């Protein structure tokens, strides 16, 4: 099962690295009977960049787990109406483009996800430049309970990613 080839979109100029990663994936494909992708988009990427000659293929869409436990308020409660997003905080997620949504509004933007990538600073700088840094909250990694509380209580779930193999957070938000 191949989830995506997003490394090609994240670092298009790193030709040597991308070639090496594709070679490793191709080696695994060559030893396989069937190649499964998690979306039609992912399968199209695979067909474009790898050889599937003689292999059967299938698209089996991802699903998400149900959270059946009682949902309790998280440690950080928003100070007002809020938009919510969750994902790894990295350049292809395009979080910096969300800052204009906060201008001329009362909304807070809560983003959950690992904040160790250098792109986190780009997001913070975009919020500062838009004059909304006081309404951007980077939650870091959160629990399943907290994720579902934020999903249930946000006015809108936002997901500006420019490249996803599937986009599981969108399904969870539904």
Protein backbone atom coordinates (compact mmCIF):
# COMPACT_ATOMS: atom_id res chain seq x y z
CA UNK A 1 0.00 0.00 0.00
CA UNK A 2 1.35 3.38 -1.01
CA UNK A 3 -0.12 6.39 0.74
CA UNK A 4 1.43 9.10 -1.39
CA UNK A 5 4.51 10.39 -3.14
CA UNK A 6 4.28 13.81 -1.50
CA UNK A 7 8.05 14.02 -1.12
CA UNK A 8 8.06 14.89 -4.84
CA UNK A 9 5.89 17.93 -4.14
CA UNK A 10 7.62 18.92 -0.92
CA UNK A 11 11.13 18.96 -2.38
CA UNK A 12 10.86 19.10 -6.17
CA UNK A 13 14.39 20.42 -6.55
CA UNK A 14 15.99 17.65 -4.49
CA UNK A 15 16.33 15.44 -7.56
CA UNK A 16 18.89 13.03 -6.11
CA UNK A 17 16.86 12.40 -2.94
CA UNK A 18 13.63 11.97 -4.88
CA UNK A 19 15.28 9.58 -7.35
CA UNK A 20 16.63 7.51 -4.45
CA UNK A 21 13.22 7.37 -2.71
CA UNK A 22 11.46 6.43 -5.96
CA UNK A 23 14.06 3.72 -6.58
CA UNK A 24 13.35 2.23 -3.14
CA UNK A 25 9.60 2.25 -3.73
CA UNK A 26 10.07 0.76 -7.21
CA UNK A 27 12.13 -2.05 -5.68
CA UNK A 28 9.23 -2.88 -3.35
CA UNK A 29 6.73 -2.71 -6.23
CA UNK A 30 8.90 -5.09 -8.26
CA UNK A 31 8.66 -7.67 -5.44
CA UNK A 32 4.87 -7.24 -5.08
CA UNK A 33 1.93 -8.86 -6.83
CA UNK A 34 -0.48 -5.97 -6.28
CA UNK A 35 -0.10 -2.26 -5.63
CA UNK A 36 -2.75 -0.54 -3.52
CA UNK A 37 -3.15 3.23 -3.26
CA UNK A 38 -5.27 5.07 -0.71
CA UNK A 39 -6.85 7.41 -3.26
CA UNK A 40 -7.22 7.97 -6.98
CA UNK A 41 -4.85 10.95 -6.62
CA UNK A 42 -2.20 8.73 -5.02
CA UNK A 43 -2.66 6.08 -7.75
CA UNK A 44 -2.23 8.74 -10.45
CA UNK A 45 1.02 9.87 -8.79
CA UNK A 46 2.23 6.27 -8.68
CA UNK A 47 1.36 5.64 -12.33
CA UNK A 48 3.15 8.83 -13.36
CA UNK A 49 6.40 8.22 -11.48
CA UNK A 50 6.74 4.45 -11.15
CA UNK A 51 6.39 1.34 -13.29
CA UNK A 52 3.40 -0.89 -12.55
CA UNK A 53 3.95 -3.18 -15.55
CA UNK A 54 2.48 -6.60 -14.88
CA UNK A 55 1.07 -5.59 -11.48
CA UNK A 56 -2.55 -5.58 -10.51
CA UNK A 57 -3.64 -2.35 -8.86
CA UNK A 58 -6.42 -1.21 -6.59
CA UNK A 59 -7.56 1.92 -4.82
CA UNK A 60 -8.77 1.27 -1.30
CA UNK A 61 -9.76 4.51 0.36
CA UNK A 62 -8.67 5.27 3.87
CA UNK A 63 -11.25 5.46 6.59
CA UNK A 64 -11.09 6.76 10.11
CA UNK A 65 -11.75 5.40 13.54
CA UNK A 66 -14.86 6.35 15.44
CA UNK A 67 -14.31 8.00 18.79
CA UNK A 68 -17.02 6.53 20.99
CA UNK A 69 -15.85 7.78 24.36
CA UNK A 70 -17.45 10.74 26.12
CA UNK A 71 -15.77 13.94 24.93
CA UNK A 72 -14.64 16.32 27.67
CA UNK A 73 -13.33 19.89 27.33
CA UNK A 74 -9.60 20.13 26.57
CA UNK A 75 -7.02 21.91 28.67
CA UNK A 76 -7.00 24.90 26.30
CA UNK A 77 -10.44 26.39 25.78
CA UNK A 78 -10.76 28.98 23.01
CA UNK A 79 -11.56 32.53 24.13
CA UNK A 80 -14.26 32.90 21.50
CA UNK A 81 -15.51 31.59 18.16
CA UNK A 82 -12.83 29.56 16.41
CA UNK A 83 -11.70 27.79 13.28
CA UNK A 84 -9.82 24.53 13.73
CA UNK A 85 -7.24 22.57 11.77
CA UNK A 86 -5.07 19.58 12.53
CA UNK A 87 -2.12 18.17 10.63
CA UNK A 88 1.64 18.16 10.62
CA UNK A 89 2.78 21.76 10.43
CA UNK A 90 4.94 21.75 7.31
CA UNK A 91 5.11 23.85 4.12
CA UNK A 92 2.76 21.79 1.94
CA UNK A 93 -0.03 22.27 4.49
CA UNK A 94 -0.23 26.00 3.61
CA UNK A 95 -1.38 27.13 7.06
CA UNK A 96 0.15 30.56 6.44
CA UNK A 97 -2.61 31.22 3.88
CA UNK A 98 -5.29 31.10 6.59
CA UNK A 99 -4.34 34.34 8.32
CA UNK A 100 -6.55 36.59 6.13
CA UNK A 101 -9.56 34.60 7.40
CA UNK A 102 -8.95 36.14 10.80
CA UNK A 103 -8.66 39.71 9.59
CA UNK A 104 -11.83 41.76 10.07
CA UNK A 105 -13.39 38.91 12.07
CA UNK A 106 -13.61 37.82 15.67
CA UNK A 107 -12.37 34.29 14.98
CA UNK A 108 -9.47 32.53 16.60
CA UNK A 109 -7.54 29.90 14.63
CA UNK A 110 -6.48 26.79 16.51
CA UNK A 111 -4.01 24.52 14.74
CA UNK A 112 -3.06 21.18 16.27
CA UNK A 113 0.03 19.31 15.16
CA UNK A 114 3.74 18.92 15.64
CA UNK A 115 5.32 22.39 15.83
CA UNK A 116 8.98 21.37 15.49
CA UNK A 117 9.27 22.02 11.74
CA UNK A 118 10.88 25.33 10.73
CA UNK A 119 7.67 26.13 8.80
CA UNK A 120 6.01 26.86 12.15
CA UNK A 121 7.93 30.16 12.14
CA UNK A 122 6.51 31.00 8.71
CA UNK A 123 2.99 30.52 10.08
CA UNK A 124 3.75 32.71 13.10
CA UNK A 125 5.29 35.40 10.87
CA UNK A 126 2.23 35.35 8.58
CA UNK A 127 -0.03 35.83 11.61
CA UNK A 128 2.14 38.71 12.81
CA UNK A 129 2.14 40.34 9.36
CA UNK A 130 -1.65 40.04 9.15
CA UNK A 131 -2.04 41.55 12.62
CA UNK A 132 -3.75 38.44 14.00
CA UNK A 133 -0.98 36.78 16.02
CA UNK A 134 -3.05 37.21 19.18
CA UNK A 135 -5.75 34.97 17.69
CA UNK A 136 -3.53 32.18 16.38
CA UNK A 137 -3.12 29.28 18.79
CA UNK A 138 -0.67 26.49 17.97
CA UNK A 139 -1.82 23.66 20.20
CA UNK A 140 0.99 21.21 19.46
CA UNK A 141 0.13 17.52 19.52
CA UNK A 142 -3.22 16.82 21.16
CA UNK A 143 -5.17 13.82 22.42
CA UNK A 144 -8.00 12.11 20.53
CA UNK A 145 -10.43 13.54 23.11
CA UNK A 146 -9.20 17.08 22.50
CA UNK A 147 -9.30 16.62 18.72
CA UNK A 148 -12.93 15.55 18.81
CA UNK A 149 -13.88 18.34 21.22
CA UNK A 150 -12.36 20.94 18.89
CA UNK A 151 -14.02 19.32 15.85
CA UNK A 152 -17.41 19.35 17.60
CA UNK A 153 -17.15 22.96 18.78
CA UNK A 154 -15.41 24.83 15.95
CA UNK A 155 -17.41 27.02 13.58
CA UNK A 156 -15.46 25.57 10.66
CA UNK A 157 -12.75 23.04 10.01
CA UNK A 158 -10.12 24.43 7.65
CA UNK A 159 -7.58 22.38 5.71
CA UNK A 160 -5.61 24.40 3.14
CA UNK A 161 -3.15 21.64 2.23
CA UNK A 162 -1.87 21.71 -1.32
CA UNK A 163 -0.91 18.02 -1.44
CA UNK A 164 -2.57 15.09 0.25
CA UNK A 165 -2.65 11.43 -0.58
CA UNK A 166 -6.06 11.31 1.06
CA UNK A 167 -6.72 14.02 3.65
CA UNK A 168 -7.82 11.98 6.65
CA UNK A 169 -8.44 15.06 8.87
CA UNK A 170 -11.22 16.13 6.48
CA UNK A 171 -12.97 12.76 6.91
CA UNK A 172 -12.60 13.03 10.69
CA UNK A 173 -14.11 16.51 10.58
CA UNK A 174 -17.13 15.20 8.68
